[in-house]
Amino acid sequence: LKEERNRLQQLHNDTRKRVDAMITRLK
């Protein structure tokens, strides 16, 4: 469960970075 949580947190962080980059490009 700890490994899965860490994986999901990393996925969340990666997704957040991609979304932020898209927003910046759109702006």
PDB file of all heavy atoms in Angstrom:
ATOM      1  N   LEU A   1       0.829  -1.214   0.000  1.00  0.00           N
ATOM      2  CA  LEU A   1       0.000   0.000   0.000  1.00  0.00           C
ATOM      3  C   LEU A   1       0.857   1.255   0.000  1.00  0.00           C
ATOM      4  O   LEU A   1       0.531   2.240  -0.672  1.00  0.00           O
ATOM      5  CB  LEU A   1      -0.944  -0.007   1.197  1.00  0.00           C
ATOM      6  CG  LEU A   1      -2.088  -1.017   1.121  1.00  0.00           C
ATOM      7  CD1 LEU A   1      -2.813  -1.084   2.460  1.00  0.00           C
ATOM      8  CD2 LEU A   1      -3.050  -0.666   0.009  1.00  0.00           C
ATOM      9  N   LYS A   2       1.957   1.227   0.731  1.00  0.00           N
ATOM     10  CA  LYS A   2       2.863   2.381   0.734  1.00  0.00           C
ATOM     11  C   LYS A   2       3.476   2.588  -0.648  1.00  0.00           C
ATOM     12  O   LYS A   2       3.589   3.724  -1.123  1.00  0.00           O
ATOM     13  CB  LYS A   2       3.970   2.197   1.776  1.00  0.00           C
ATOM     14  CG  LYS A   2       3.505   2.419   3.190  1.00  0.00           C
ATOM     15  CD  LYS A   2       4.651   2.206   4.179  1.00  0.00           C
ATOM     16  CE  LYS A   2       4.199   2.438   5.599  1.00  0.00           C
ATOM     17  NZ  LYS A   2       5.297   2.215   6.567  1.00  0.00           N
ATOM     18  N   GLU A   3       3.872   1.496  -1.287  1.00  0.00           N
ATOM     19  CA  GLU A   3       4.431   1.595  -2.635  1.00  0.00           C
ATOM     20  C   GLU A   3       3.391   2.145  -3.609  1.00  0.00           C
ATOM     21  O   GLU A   3       3.705   2.991  -4.451  1.00  0.00           O
ATOM     22  CB  GLU A   3       4.936   0.234  -3.106  1.00  0.00           C
ATOM     23  CG  GLU A   3       6.181  -0.229  -2.386  1.00  0.00           C
ATOM     24  CD  GLU A   3       6.564  -1.666  -2.686  1.00  0.00           C
ATOM     25  OE1 GLU A   3       5.820  -2.347  -3.434  1.00  0.00           O
ATOM     26  OE2 GLU A   3       7.600  -2.121  -2.178  1.00  0.00           O
ATOM     27  N   GLU A   4       2.172   1.663  -3.500  1.00  0.00           N
ATOM     28  CA  GLU A   4       1.088   2.144  -4.370  1.00  0.00           C
ATOM     29  C   GLU A   4       0.806   3.619  -4.117  1.00  0.00           C
ATOM     30  O   GLU A   4       0.613   4.403  -5.046  1.00  0.00           O
ATOM     31  CB  GLU A   4      -0.176   1.313  -4.145  1.00  0.00           C
ATOM     32  CG  GLU A   4      -1.377   1.753  -4.952  1.00  0.00           C
ATOM     33  CD  GLU A   4      -1.268   1.457  -6.431  1.00  0.00           C
ATOM     34  OE1 GLU A   4      -0.281   0.823  -6.866  1.00  0.00           O
ATOM     35  OE2 GLU A   4      -2.163   1.874  -7.182  1.00  0.00           O
ATOM     36  N   ARG A   5       0.787   4.028  -2.848  1.00  0.00           N
ATOM     37  CA  ARG A   5       0.571   5.428  -2.511  1.00  0.00           C
ATOM     38  C   ARG A   5       1.666   6.301  -3.111  1.00  0.00           C
ATOM     39  O   ARG A   5       1.386   7.349  -3.702  1.00  0.00           O
ATOM     40  CB  ARG A   5       0.531   5.614  -0.999  1.00  0.00           C
ATOM     41  CG  ARG A   5       0.238   7.080  -0.606  1.00  0.00           C
ATOM     42  CD  ARG A   5       0.459   7.336   0.848  1.00  0.00           C
ATOM     43  NE  ARG A   5       1.885   7.195   1.116  1.00  0.00           N
ATOM     44  CZ  ARG A   5       2.398   6.986   2.293  1.00  0.00           C
ATOM     45  NH1 ARG A   5       1.632   6.862   3.344  1.00  0.00           N
ATOM     46  NH2 ARG A   5       3.698   6.863   2.456  1.00  0.00           N
ATOM     47  N   ASN A   6       2.909   5.866  -2.985  1.00  0.00           N
ATOM     48  CA  ASN A   6       4.014   6.627  -3.548  1.00  0.00           C
ATOM     49  C   ASN A   6       3.901   6.735  -5.066  1.00  0.00           C
ATOM     50  O   ASN A   6       4.148   7.790  -5.644  1.00  0.00           O
ATOM     51  CB  ASN A   6       5.361   6.009  -3.162  1.00  0.00           C
ATOM     52  CG  ASN A   6       5.664   6.170  -1.689  1.00  0.00           C
ATOM     53  OD1 ASN A   6       5.132   7.068  -1.030  1.00  0.00           O
ATOM     54  ND2 ASN A   6       6.512   5.313  -1.157  1.00  0.00           N
ATOM     55  N   ARG A   7       3.520   5.634  -5.700  1.00  0.00           N
ATOM     56  CA  ARG A   7       3.349   5.639  -7.160  1.00  0.00           C
ATOM     57  C   ARG A   7       2.244   6.607  -7.562  1.00  0.00           C
ATOM     58  O   ARG A   7       2.402   7.400  -8.504  1.00  0.00           O
ATOM     59  CB  ARG A   7       3.032   4.226  -7.661  1.00  0.00           C
ATOM     60  CG  ARG A   7       3.002   4.100  -9.175  1.00  0.00           C
ATOM     61  CD  ARG A   7       2.557   2.714  -9.612  1.00  0.00           C
ATOM     62  NE  ARG A   7       1.157   2.475  -9.335  1.00  0.00           N
ATOM     63  CZ  ARG A   7       0.152   2.958 -10.072  1.00  0.00           C
ATOM     64  NH1 ARG A   7       0.379   3.728 -11.093  1.00  0.00           N
ATOM     65  NH2 ARG A   7      -1.095   2.675  -9.761  1.00  0.00           N
ATOM     66  N   LEU A   8       1.141   6.568  -6.834  1.00  0.00           N
ATOM     67  CA  LEU A   8       0.022   7.457  -7.153  1.00  0.00           C
ATOM     68  C   LEU A   8       0.364   8.926  -6.886  1.00  0.00           C
ATOM     69  O   LEU A   8      -0.035   9.815  -7.645  1.00  0.00           O
ATOM     70  CB  LEU A   8      -1.224   7.047  -6.366  1.00  0.00           C
ATOM     71  CG  LEU A   8      -1.867   5.737  -6.803  1.00  0.00           C
ATOM     72  CD1 LEU A   8      -2.964   5.343  -5.827  1.00  0.00           C
ATOM     73  CD2 LEU A   8      -2.412   5.834  -8.209  1.00  0.00           C
ATOM     74  N   GLN A   9       1.120   9.183  -5.838  1.00  0.00           N
ATOM     75  CA  GLN A   9       1.547  10.555  -5.561  1.00  0.00           C
ATOM     76  C   GLN A   9       2.444  11.068  -6.682  1.00  0.00           C
ATOM     77  O   GLN A   9       2.310  12.217  -7.120  1.00  0.00           O
ATOM     78  CB  GLN A   9       2.282  10.637  -4.217  1.00  0.00           C
ATOM     79  CG  GLN A   9       1.363  10.578  -3.026  1.00  0.00           C
ATOM     80  CD  GLN A   9       2.117  10.576  -1.699  1.00  0.00           C
ATOM     81  OE1 GLN A   9       3.272  10.158  -1.623  1.00  0.00           O
ATOM     82  NE2 GLN A   9       1.458  11.046  -0.656  1.00  0.00           N
ATOM     83  N   GLN A  10       3.350  10.222  -7.156  1.00  0.00           N
ATOM     84  CA  GLN A  10       4.226  10.621  -8.254  1.00  0.00           C
ATOM     85  C   GLN A  10       3.412  10.861  -9.519  1.00  0.00           C
ATOM     86  O   GLN A  10       3.644  11.845 -10.236  1.00  0.00           O
ATOM     87  CB  GLN A  10       5.295   9.547  -8.498  1.00  0.00           C
ATOM     88  CG  GLN A  10       6.317   9.948  -9.532  1.00  0.00           C
ATOM     89  CD  GLN A  10       7.083  11.194  -9.118  1.00  0.00           C
ATOM     90  OE1 GLN A  10       7.571  11.289  -8.001  1.00  0.00           O
ATOM     91  NE2 GLN A  10       7.193  12.157 -10.012  1.00  0.00           N
ATOM     92  N   LEU A  11       2.462  10.002  -9.796  1.00  0.00           N
ATOM     93  CA  LEU A  11       1.590  10.183 -10.961  1.00  0.00           C
ATOM     94  C   LEU A  11       0.807  11.484 -10.836  1.00  0.00           C
ATOM     95  O   LEU A  11       0.682  12.242 -11.810  1.00  0.00           O
ATOM     96  CB  LEU A  11       0.637   8.991 -11.080  1.00  0.00           C
ATOM     97  CG  LEU A  11      -0.331   8.993 -12.257  1.00  0.00           C
ATOM     98  CD1 LEU A  11       0.422   8.996 -13.575  1.00  0.00           C
ATOM     99  CD2 LEU A  11      -1.251   7.782 -12.166  1.00  0.00           C
ATOM    100  N   HIS A  12       0.302  11.771  -9.660  1.00  0.00           N
ATOM    101  CA  HIS A  12      -0.436  13.010  -9.413  1.00  0.00           C
ATOM    102  C   HIS A  12       0.464  14.224  -9.661  1.00  0.00           C
ATOM    103  O   HIS A  12       0.056  15.181 -10.325  1.00  0.00           O
ATOM    104  CB  HIS A  12      -0.965  13.019  -7.976  1.00  0.00           C
ATOM    105  CG  HIS A  12      -1.616  14.288  -7.576  1.00  0.00           C
ATOM    106  ND1 HIS A  12      -2.872  14.643  -7.995  1.00  0.00           N
ATOM    107  CD2 HIS A  12      -1.175  15.313  -6.805  1.00  0.00           C
ATOM    108  CE1 HIS A  12      -3.175  15.828  -7.501  1.00  0.00           C
ATOM    109  NE2 HIS A  12      -2.158  16.250  -6.768  1.00  0.00           N
ATOM    110  N   ASN A  13       1.676  14.177  -9.142  1.00  0.00           N
ATOM    111  CA  ASN A  13       2.611  15.282  -9.338  1.00  0.00           C
ATOM    112  C   ASN A  13       2.966  15.469 -10.810  1.00  0.00           C
ATOM    113  O   ASN A  13       3.020  16.599 -11.306  1.00  0.00           O
ATOM    114  CB  ASN A  13       3.890  15.065  -8.512  1.00  0.00           C
ATOM    115  CG  ASN A  13       3.645  15.201  -7.029  1.00  0.00           C
ATOM    116  OD1 ASN A  13       2.690  15.856  -6.599  1.00  0.00           O
ATOM    117  ND2 ASN A  13       4.494  14.585  -6.235  1.00  0.00           N
ATOM    118  N   ASP A  14       3.203  14.374 -11.513  1.00  0.00           N
ATOM    119  CA  ASP A  14       3.512  14.451 -12.943  1.00  0.00           C
ATOM    120  C   ASP A  14       2.339  15.040 -13.727  1.00  0.00           C
ATOM    121  O   ASP A  14       2.528  15.882 -14.605  1.00  0.00           O
ATOM    122  CB  ASP A  14       3.859  13.072 -13.497  1.00  0.00           C
ATOM    123  CG  ASP A  14       5.169  12.512 -12.942  1.00  0.00           C
ATOM    124  OD1 ASP A  14       5.949  13.297 -12.357  1.00  0.00           O
ATOM    125  OD2 ASP A  14       5.395  11.300 -13.091  1.00  0.00           O
ATOM    126  N   THR A  15       1.138  14.604 -13.379  1.00  0.00           N
ATOM    127  CA  THR A  15      -0.062  15.113 -14.055  1.00  0.00           C
ATOM    128  C   THR A  15      -0.241  16.601 -13.776  1.00  0.00           C
ATOM    129  O   THR A  15      -0.547  17.383 -14.677  1.00  0.00           O
ATOM    130  CB  THR A  15      -1.309  14.329 -13.600  1.00  0.00           C
ATOM    131  OG1 THR A  15      -1.109  12.945 -13.877  1.00  0.00           O
ATOM    132  CG2 THR A  15      -2.548  14.817 -14.307  1.00  0.00           C
ATOM    133  N   ARG A  16      -0.030  17.003 -12.541  1.00  0.00           N
ATOM    134  CA  ARG A  16      -0.144  18.417 -12.176  1.00  0.00           C
ATOM    135  C   ARG A  16       0.844  19.266 -12.990  1.00  0.00           C
ATOM    136  O   ARG A  16       0.492  20.325 -13.503  1.00  0.00           O
ATOM    137  CB  ARG A  16       0.107  18.623 -10.691  1.00  0.00           C
ATOM    138  CG  ARG A  16      -0.023  20.078 -10.252  1.00  0.00           C
ATOM    139  CD  ARG A  16       0.350  20.250  -8.804  1.00  0.00           C
ATOM    140  NE  ARG A  16      -0.501  19.497  -7.921  1.00  0.00           N
ATOM    141  CZ  ARG A  16      -1.591  19.989  -7.319  1.00  0.00           C
ATOM    142  NH1 ARG A  16      -1.926  21.236  -7.505  1.00  0.00           N
ATOM    143  NH2 ARG A  16      -2.309  19.227  -6.543  1.00  0.00           N
ATOM    144  N   LYS A  17       2.071  18.784 -13.128  1.00  0.00           N
ATOM    145  CA  LYS A  17       3.076  19.511 -13.903  1.00  0.00           C
ATOM    146  C   LYS A  17       2.651  19.640 -15.368  1.00  0.00           C
ATOM    147  O   LYS A  17       2.810  20.712 -15.969  1.00  0.00           O
ATOM    148  CB  LYS A  17       4.433  18.811 -13.813  1.00  0.00           C
ATOM    149  CG  LYS A  17       5.101  18.945 -12.470  1.00  0.00           C
ATOM    150  CD  LYS A  17       6.400  18.157 -12.433  1.00  0.00           C
ATOM    151  CE  LYS A  17       6.993  18.154 -11.040  1.00  0.00           C
ATOM    152  NZ  LYS A  17       8.211  17.313 -10.960  1.00  0.00           N
ATOM    153  N   ARG A  18       2.117  18.569 -15.937  1.00  0.00           N
ATOM    154  CA  ARG A  18       1.676  18.621 -17.334  1.00  0.00           C
ATOM    155  C   ARG A  18       0.512  19.587 -17.510  1.00  0.00           C
ATOM    156  O   ARG A  18       0.469  20.363 -18.469  1.00  0.00           O
ATOM    157  CB  ARG A  18       1.290  17.224 -17.829  1.00  0.00           C
ATOM    158  CG  ARG A  18       2.498  16.332 -18.067  1.00  0.00           C
ATOM    159  CD  ARG A  18       2.181  15.116 -18.929  1.00  0.00           C
ATOM    160  NE  ARG A  18       1.024  14.357 -18.510  1.00  0.00           N
ATOM    161  CZ  ARG A  18       1.056  13.324 -17.683  1.00  0.00           C
ATOM    162  NH1 ARG A  18       2.197  12.924 -17.170  1.00  0.00           N
ATOM    163  NH2 ARG A  18      -0.045  12.677 -17.371  1.00  0.00           N
ATOM    164  N   VAL A  19      -0.431  19.560 -16.581  1.00  0.00           N
ATOM    165  CA  VAL A  19      -1.575  20.471 -16.653  1.00  0.00           C
ATOM    166  C   VAL A  19      -1.106  21.916 -16.503  1.00  0.00           C
ATOM    167  O   VAL A  19      -1.539  22.801 -17.257  1.00  0.00           O
ATOM    168  CB  VAL A  19      -2.642  20.109 -15.592  1.00  0.00           C
ATOM    169  CG1 VAL A  19      -3.694  21.199 -15.482  1.00  0.00           C
ATOM    170  CG2 VAL A  19      -3.301  18.776 -15.932  1.00  0.00           C
ATOM    171  N   ASP A  20      -0.214  22.175 -15.565  1.00  0.00           N
ATOM    172  CA  ASP A  20       0.320  23.520 -15.389  1.00  0.00           C
ATOM    173  C   ASP A  20       1.025  23.993 -16.656  1.00  0.00           C
ATOM    174  O   ASP A  20       0.893  25.147 -17.071  1.00  0.00           O
ATOM    175  CB  ASP A  20       1.280  23.577 -14.196  1.00  0.00           C
ATOM    176  CG  ASP A  20       0.561  23.482 -12.856  1.00  0.00           C
ATOM    177  OD1 ASP A  20      -0.679  23.678 -12.821  1.00  0.00           O
ATOM    178  OD2 ASP A  20       1.239  23.218 -11.835  1.00  0.00           O
ATOM    179  N   ALA A  21       1.797  23.090 -17.280  1.00  0.00           N
ATOM    180  CA  ALA A  21       2.497  23.446 -18.521  1.00  0.00           C
ATOM    181  C   ALA A  21       1.492  23.760 -19.627  1.00  0.00           C
ATOM    182  O   ALA A  21       1.685  24.714 -20.397  1.00  0.00           O
ATOM    183  CB  ALA A  21       3.426  22.311 -18.944  1.00  0.00           C
ATOM    184  N   MET A  22       0.416  22.990 -19.720  1.00  0.00           N
ATOM    185  CA  MET A  22      -0.612  23.251 -20.736  1.00  0.00           C
ATOM    186  C   MET A  22      -1.283  24.603 -20.501  1.00  0.00           C
ATOM    187  O   MET A  22      -1.518  25.361 -21.446  1.00  0.00           O
ATOM    188  CB  MET A  22      -1.669  22.137 -20.737  1.00  0.00           C
ATOM    189  CG  MET A  22      -1.224  20.872 -21.413  1.00  0.00           C
ATOM    190  SD  MET A  22      -2.601  19.732 -21.633  1.00  0.00           S
ATOM    191  CE  MET A  22      -2.397  18.704 -20.205  1.00  0.00           C
ATOM    192  N   ILE A  23      -1.585  24.893 -19.249  1.00  0.00           N
ATOM    193  CA  ILE A  23      -2.214  26.178 -18.920  1.00  0.00           C
ATOM    194  C   ILE A  23      -1.288  27.323 -19.306  1.00  0.00           C
ATOM    195  O   ILE A  23      -1.722  28.319 -19.893  1.00  0.00           O
ATOM    196  CB  ILE A  23      -2.592  26.230 -17.426  1.00  0.00           C
ATOM    197  CG1 ILE A  23      -3.748  25.271 -17.145  1.00  0.00           C
ATOM    198  CG2 ILE A  23      -2.939  27.647 -17.000  1.00  0.00           C
ATOM    199  CD1 ILE A  23      -4.056  25.072 -15.676  1.00  0.00           C
ATOM    200  N   THR A  24      -0.010  27.174 -18.999  1.00  0.00           N
ATOM    201  CA  THR A  24       0.958  28.213 -19.354  1.00  0.00           C
ATOM    202  C   THR A  24       1.006  28.406 -20.865  1.00  0.00           C
ATOM    203  O   THR A  24       1.008  29.536 -21.364  1.00  0.00           O
ATOM    204  CB  THR A  24       2.356  27.841 -18.809  1.00  0.00           C
ATOM    205  OG1 THR A  24       2.264  27.705 -17.397  1.00  0.00           O
ATOM    206  CG2 THR A  24       3.383  28.894 -19.163  1.00  0.00           C
ATOM    207  N   ARG A  25       1.032  27.310 -21.616  1.00  0.00           N
ATOM    208  CA  ARG A  25       1.048  27.414 -23.084  1.00  0.00           C
ATOM    209  C   ARG A  25      -0.221  28.056 -23.609  1.00  0.00           C
ATOM    210  O   ARG A  25      -0.186  28.881 -24.523  1.00  0.00           O
ATOM    211  CB  ARG A  25       1.239  26.037 -23.714  1.00  0.00           C
ATOM    212  CG  ARG A  25       2.700  25.625 -23.751  1.00  0.00           C
ATOM    213  CD  ARG A  25       2.897  24.319 -24.466  1.00  0.00           C
ATOM    214  NE  ARG A  25       2.952  23.313 -23.397  1.00  0.00           N
ATOM    215  CZ  ARG A  25       2.554  22.071 -23.505  1.00  0.00           C
ATOM    216  NH1 ARG A  25       2.062  21.601 -24.626  1.00  0.00           N
ATOM    217  NH2 ARG A  25       2.639  21.243 -22.494  1.00  0.00           N
ATOM    218  N   LEU A  26      -1.358  27.681 -23.039  1.00  0.00           N
ATOM    219  CA  LEU A  26      -2.619  28.272 -23.482  1.00  0.00           C
ATOM    220  C   LEU A  26      -2.650  29.770 -23.202  1.00  0.00           C
ATOM    221  O   LEU A  26      -3.094  30.566 -24.044  1.00  0.00           O
ATOM    222  CB  LEU A  26      -3.808  27.582 -22.800  1.00  0.00           C
ATOM    223  CG  LEU A  26      -4.136  26.186 -23.305  1.00  0.00           C
ATOM    224  CD1 LEU A  26      -5.202  25.546 -22.418  1.00  0.00           C
ATOM    225  CD2 LEU A  26      -4.618  26.239 -24.748  1.00  0.00           C
ATOM    226  N   LYS A  27      -2.175  30.169 -22.046  1.00  0.00           N
ATOM    227  CA  LYS A  27      -2.126  31.598 -21.721  1.00  0.00           C
ATOM    228  C   LYS A  27      -1.191  32.325 -22.670  1.00  0.00           C
ATOM    229  O   LYS A  27      -1.476  33.445 -23.111  1.00  0.00           O
ATOM    230  CB  LYS A  27      -1.681  31.808 -20.269  1.00  0.00           C
ATOM    231  CG  LYS A  27      -2.748  31.481 -19.252  1.00  0.00           C
ATOM    232  CD  LYS A  27      -2.250  31.740 -17.836  1.00  0.00           C
ATOM    233  CE  LYS A  27      -3.328  31.416 -16.816  1.00  0.00           C
ATOM    234  NZ  LYS A  27      -2.878  31.639 -15.440  1.00  0.00           N
TER     235      LYS A  27
END
